[in-house]
Protein backbone atom coordinates (compact mmCIF):
# COMPACT_ATOMS: atom_id res chain seq x y z
CA MET A 1 79.59 91.40 128.15
CA VAL A 2 81.28 89.57 131.05
CA THR A 3 84.46 91.24 132.34
CA MET A 4 87.39 89.88 130.36
CA ASN A 5 91.18 90.02 130.15
CA ILE A 6 91.79 91.28 126.61
CA VAL A 7 95.05 91.47 124.67
CA ILE A 8 95.08 94.12 121.94
CA THR A 9 98.04 94.22 119.58
CA GLY A 10 98.50 97.59 117.93
CA GLY A 11 96.57 99.19 120.78
CA SER A 12 98.48 102.46 120.57
CA GLY A 13 97.36 103.00 116.99
CA PHE A 14 94.48 105.05 115.63
CA VAL A 15 91.57 102.58 115.90
CA GLY A 16 93.26 100.42 118.54
CA SER A 17 93.56 103.25 121.07
CA TYR A 18 89.86 104.10 120.81
CA LEU A 19 89.06 100.43 121.25
CA CYS A 20 91.18 100.34 124.42
CA GLU A 21 89.34 103.33 125.88
CA LYS A 22 85.89 101.89 125.21
CA LEU A 23 86.72 98.44 126.56
CA ILE A 24 88.32 99.93 129.69
CA ASN A 25 85.18 102.01 130.23
CA ASP A 26 83.15 98.82 129.86
CA GLY A 27 85.07 97.32 132.78
CA HIS A 28 87.54 95.04 131.02
CA LYS A 29 91.24 94.59 131.70
CA ILE A 30 93.42 95.47 128.74
CA ILE A 31 96.96 94.43 127.83
CA VAL A 32 98.34 96.35 124.85
CA ILE A 33 101.21 94.89 122.84
CA ASP A 34 102.76 97.39 120.45
CA ASN A 35 106.23 98.10 119.06
CA LEU A 36 105.31 101.77 118.47
CA LEU A 37 106.55 101.58 114.88
CA THR A 38 103.48 103.42 113.61
CA GLY A 39 101.45 103.80 116.80
CA SER A 40 101.97 106.52 119.39
CA ARG A 41 102.29 106.39 123.16
CA GLU A 42 100.40 109.71 123.21
CA ASN A 43 97.27 107.86 122.06
CA ILE A 44 97.22 105.83 125.29
CA ASN A 45 98.73 108.35 127.74
CA ASP A 46 95.43 108.77 129.57
CA LEU A 47 95.24 105.01 130.17
CA LEU A 48 98.75 104.34 131.48
CA ASP A 49 97.82 105.00 135.12
CA ASN A 50 94.64 102.93 134.97
CA GLU A 51 94.92 99.79 137.10
CA ASN A 52 93.06 97.81 134.45
CA PHE A 53 95.48 98.77 131.69
CA SER A 54 99.00 97.57 130.97
CA PHE A 55 101.35 98.25 128.08
CA ILE A 56 104.04 95.95 126.71
CA GLU A 57 106.41 97.37 124.11
CA HIS A 58 106.95 94.30 121.98
CA ASP A 59 106.96 93.30 118.31
CA VAL A 60 104.34 90.72 117.34
CA GLN A 61 106.91 89.21 114.97
CA ASP A 62 108.55 87.80 118.11
CA HIS A 63 107.09 85.12 120.36
CA ILE A 64 104.36 86.42 122.67
CA GLU A 65 104.11 85.11 126.22
CA ILE A 66 101.35 86.23 128.60
CA GLU A 67 101.17 84.38 131.92
CA ASP A 68 97.85 85.81 133.10
CA LYS A 69 94.65 84.31 131.79
CA VAL A 70 93.64 85.75 128.40
CA ASP A 71 89.98 85.68 127.34
CA TYR A 72 90.18 87.55 124.05
CA VAL A 73 92.93 88.44 121.56
CA LEU A 74 92.40 91.35 119.17
CA HIS A 75 95.08 91.57 116.47
CA PHE A 76 95.29 95.16 115.23
CA ALA A 77 99.07 95.43 114.87
CA SER A 78 99.96 96.61 111.37
CA ALA A 79 100.91 99.66 109.43
CA ALA A 80 97.55 100.77 108.05
CA SER A 81 98.06 103.99 106.09
CA PRO A 82 99.61 104.28 102.61
CA LYS A 83 102.54 106.26 103.98
CA ALA A 84 103.18 103.80 106.81
CA TYR A 85 103.09 100.56 104.84
CA THR A 86 105.09 102.10 102.00
CA GLU A 87 107.80 103.13 104.46
CA HIS A 88 107.71 99.78 106.29
CA PRO A 89 106.82 97.17 103.64
CA VAL A 90 108.61 94.17 105.16
CA ASN A 91 107.36 94.92 108.66
CA THR A 92 103.85 95.18 107.23
CA LEU A 93 104.17 91.75 105.62
CA LYS A 94 105.50 90.23 108.83
CA ALA A 95 102.85 91.80 111.06
CA GLY A 96 100.18 90.21 108.87
CA SER A 97 101.90 86.85 108.56
CA VAL A 98 104.23 86.03 111.47
CA GLY A 99 102.32 88.39 113.77
CA THR A 100 99.02 86.71 112.98
CA ILE A 101 100.46 83.23 113.57
CA ASN A 102 101.95 84.37 116.90
CA THR A 103 98.73 85.96 118.11
CA LEU A 104 96.72 82.92 117.02
CA GLY A 105 99.16 80.81 119.01
CA LEU A 106 98.51 82.98 122.06
CA ALA A 107 94.75 82.55 121.64
CA LYS A 108 95.16 78.80 121.19
CA LYS A 109 97.26 78.51 124.35
CA HIS A 110 94.64 80.31 126.44
CA SER A 111 91.56 78.94 124.61
CA ALA A 112 90.71 82.59 123.99
CA GLU A 113 88.44 84.07 121.37
CA TYR A 114 90.21 85.85 118.53
CA LEU A 115 89.37 88.84 116.36
CA LEU A 116 91.44 89.92 113.37
CA ALA A 117 91.39 93.49 112.13
CA SER A 118 91.42 93.04 108.37
CA THR A 119 90.64 95.63 105.73
CA SER A 120 88.43 96.41 102.78
CA GLU A 121 91.70 96.43 100.80
CA VAL A 122 91.45 92.63 100.59
CA TYR A 123 88.90 93.30 97.84
CA GLY A 124 91.62 95.01 95.78
CA ASP A 125 90.13 97.07 92.95
CA PRO A 126 86.60 95.67 93.23
CA LEU A 127 84.47 95.12 90.18
CA ILE A 128 81.23 95.37 92.19
CA SER A 129 79.99 98.03 94.57
CA PRO A 130 79.20 97.71 97.38
CA GLN A 131 81.18 94.60 98.26
CA ASN A 132 79.65 91.88 100.40
CA GLU A 133 81.67 89.44 102.48
CA GLU A 134 81.28 86.68 99.89
CA TYR A 135 83.06 88.72 97.22
CA TRP A 136 86.59 87.41 96.60
CA GLY A 137 87.91 90.64 95.17
CA ASN A 138 89.93 91.77 92.17
CA VAL A 139 93.48 91.76 93.46
CA ASN A 140 97.05 92.33 92.30
CA PRO A 141 99.52 90.33 94.43
CA ASN A 142 102.48 92.21 92.94
CA GLY A 143 101.19 95.79 93.09
CA GLU A 144 102.68 98.71 95.00
CA ARG A 145 100.19 98.20 97.84
CA SER A 146 100.38 94.42 97.83
CA MET A 147 102.48 94.25 100.99
CA TYR A 148 99.42 95.46 102.92
CA ASP A 149 96.61 93.82 100.95
CA GLU A 150 98.26 90.41 100.69
CA ALA A 151 99.43 90.45 104.33
CA LYS A 152 95.80 90.87 105.36
CA ARG A 153 94.64 88.18 102.94
CA PHE A 154 97.22 85.79 104.39
CA ALA A 155 96.11 86.78 107.89
CA GLU A 156 92.51 85.91 107.03
CA ALA A 157 93.61 82.54 105.65
CA ALA A 158 95.61 81.86 108.82
CA VAL A 159 92.63 82.71 111.03
CA ALA A 160 90.32 80.45 109.02
CA THR A 161 92.88 77.62 109.15
CA TYR A 162 93.36 77.85 112.93
CA SER A 163 89.60 77.96 113.38
CA ARG A 164 89.10 74.81 111.33
CA SER A 165 92.16 72.97 112.65
CA TYR A 166 91.98 73.81 116.36
CA GLY A 167 88.39 74.85 116.93
CA LEU A 168 89.33 78.44 117.83
CA LYS A 169 86.42 80.85 118.00
CA THR A 170 87.47 83.52 115.51
CA LYS A 171 86.04 86.61 113.89
CA ILE A 172 87.37 88.79 111.09
CA VAL A 173 86.43 92.44 110.59
CA ARG A 174 87.12 94.08 107.25
CA ILE A 175 87.37 97.74 108.18
CA PHE A 176 86.52 100.35 105.57
CA ASN A 177 87.79 103.95 105.49
CA THR A 178 87.78 105.31 109.04
CA TYR A 179 88.49 108.88 110.10
CA GLY A 180 88.66 110.97 113.26
CA PRO A 181 91.01 112.51 115.82
CA ARG A 182 94.43 110.84 116.21
CA MET A 183 94.85 110.30 112.50
CA GLN A 184 98.36 111.28 111.49
CA LEU A 185 98.18 114.34 109.28
CA ASN A 186 100.78 113.02 106.84
CA ASP A 187 99.45 109.48 106.60
CA GLY A 188 98.54 109.66 102.92
CA ARG A 189 94.82 109.03 103.40
CA VAL A 190 92.42 111.12 101.36
CA VAL A 191 90.63 112.66 104.37
CA THR A 192 93.80 113.93 106.00
CA ASN A 193 95.30 115.01 102.67
CA PHE A 194 92.26 117.15 101.89
CA ILE A 195 92.00 118.63 105.41
CA VAL A 196 95.68 119.58 105.53
CA GLN A 197 95.50 121.21 102.10
CA ALA A 198 92.37 123.15 103.09
CA LEU A 199 93.93 124.37 106.35
CA ARG A 200 96.93 125.60 104.39
CA ASN A 201 94.67 127.37 101.89
CA GLU A 202 96.09 125.16 99.15
CA ASN A 203 94.24 123.73 96.20
CA ILE A 204 92.81 120.31 97.03
CA THR A 205 94.41 117.63 94.90
CA ILE A 206 92.06 115.05 93.41
CA TYR A 207 93.58 112.15 91.51
CA GLY A 208 91.38 111.08 88.63
CA ASP A 209 88.06 112.72 87.81
CA GLY A 210 86.71 112.71 91.37
CA THR A 211 83.91 110.25 90.65
CA GLN A 212 85.56 107.34 92.45
CA THR A 213 83.55 106.46 95.55
CA ARG A 214 84.55 105.85 99.15
CA SER A 215 82.73 104.85 102.32
CA PHE A 216 83.80 106.88 105.37
CA SER A 217 83.07 105.86 108.96
CA TYR A 218 83.82 107.90 112.08
CA VAL A 219 86.27 106.07 114.33
CA GLU A 220 83.88 105.81 117.29
CA ASP A 221 81.26 104.24 115.01
CA THR A 222 83.83 101.76 113.71
CA VAL A 223 84.79 100.84 117.27
CA ALA A 224 81.12 100.46 118.25
CA GLY A 225 80.72 98.01 115.39
CA ILE A 226 83.75 96.01 116.49
CA ILE A 227 82.54 95.78 120.09
CA SER A 228 79.06 94.80 118.92
CA LEU A 229 80.67 91.95 117.01
CA MET A 230 82.70 90.95 120.08
CA ASN A 231 79.43 90.71 122.00
CA SER A 232 77.78 88.53 119.38
CA THR A 233 77.83 84.77 119.01
CA GLU A 234 78.55 85.05 115.28
CA TYR A 235 81.94 83.73 114.13
CA ASP A 236 82.60 84.72 110.56
CA VAL A 237 83.87 87.55 108.34
CA PHE A 238 82.18 90.94 108.63
CA ASN A 239 82.48 94.25 106.81
CA ILE A 240 82.47 97.29 109.11
CA GLY A 241 81.87 100.66 107.53
CA ASN A 242 79.38 103.26 106.44
CA PRO A 243 76.90 101.79 103.94
CA ASN A 244 76.54 105.20 102.29
CA GLU A 245 79.23 106.06 99.77
CA MET A 246 80.29 109.45 98.45
CA THR A 247 82.56 110.46 95.63
CA VAL A 248 86.00 111.88 96.29
CA GLY A 249 84.78 115.08 94.64
CA GLN A 250 81.89 115.33 97.11
CA LEU A 251 84.31 114.82 100.00
CA ALA A 252 86.47 117.66 98.72
CA GLU A 253 83.41 119.93 98.50
CA LYS A 254 82.38 119.11 102.09
CA ILE A 255 85.84 119.93 103.41
CA ILE A 256 86.02 123.17 101.42
CA ASN A 257 82.62 124.23 102.78
């Protein structure tokens, strides 16, 4: 990959911070835009003194102006855990709608490539497993999680529209369950819930009968997939995750053991 100037929104978040580290190590210059609503400065502390890294505390809901040349825009800014998007529902909607339009506008201004971090949640409660990228999903636009799911679905529609209307080179990654260091212990995800309960010697709580399946990918593997896509000449929608599923019950057993 040729050295690039890359803007990453949400770069102080869980996946975003790992992405920053890897791209810096690959020789790129990184500008992170983050309002720190759900991200953490601690995730990027080791990068703050790097001459190829800069941090702008800014909300993507507001106009974004970058004077330096931008080669790539990665839009990762959003609450992404059940706890975070439940606590910040309107901000979640706006990050996926207004934030996506603003970051697309930045890419359009600089004729930059664009990558949207979407989610497997756009499939809703899928009726097929595994889901391929052509599957439209089984969704509830009024459900308790709809602020996150529908924000991402709107974001995907916005990306597709800008690509068709303005010729932007765009890619969409639908990220499946990702785990690893820097996850917030109280984020409401099943992995962290189980680990915290095990460390406290508490009974692990499984909702349902434990047969529901999940695909879990380690964060560095997820980031490797994203960067591989950045390096490719494919411009489309891509799932990124572990192709091997396990039941929630099996996950609980692994953590207990």
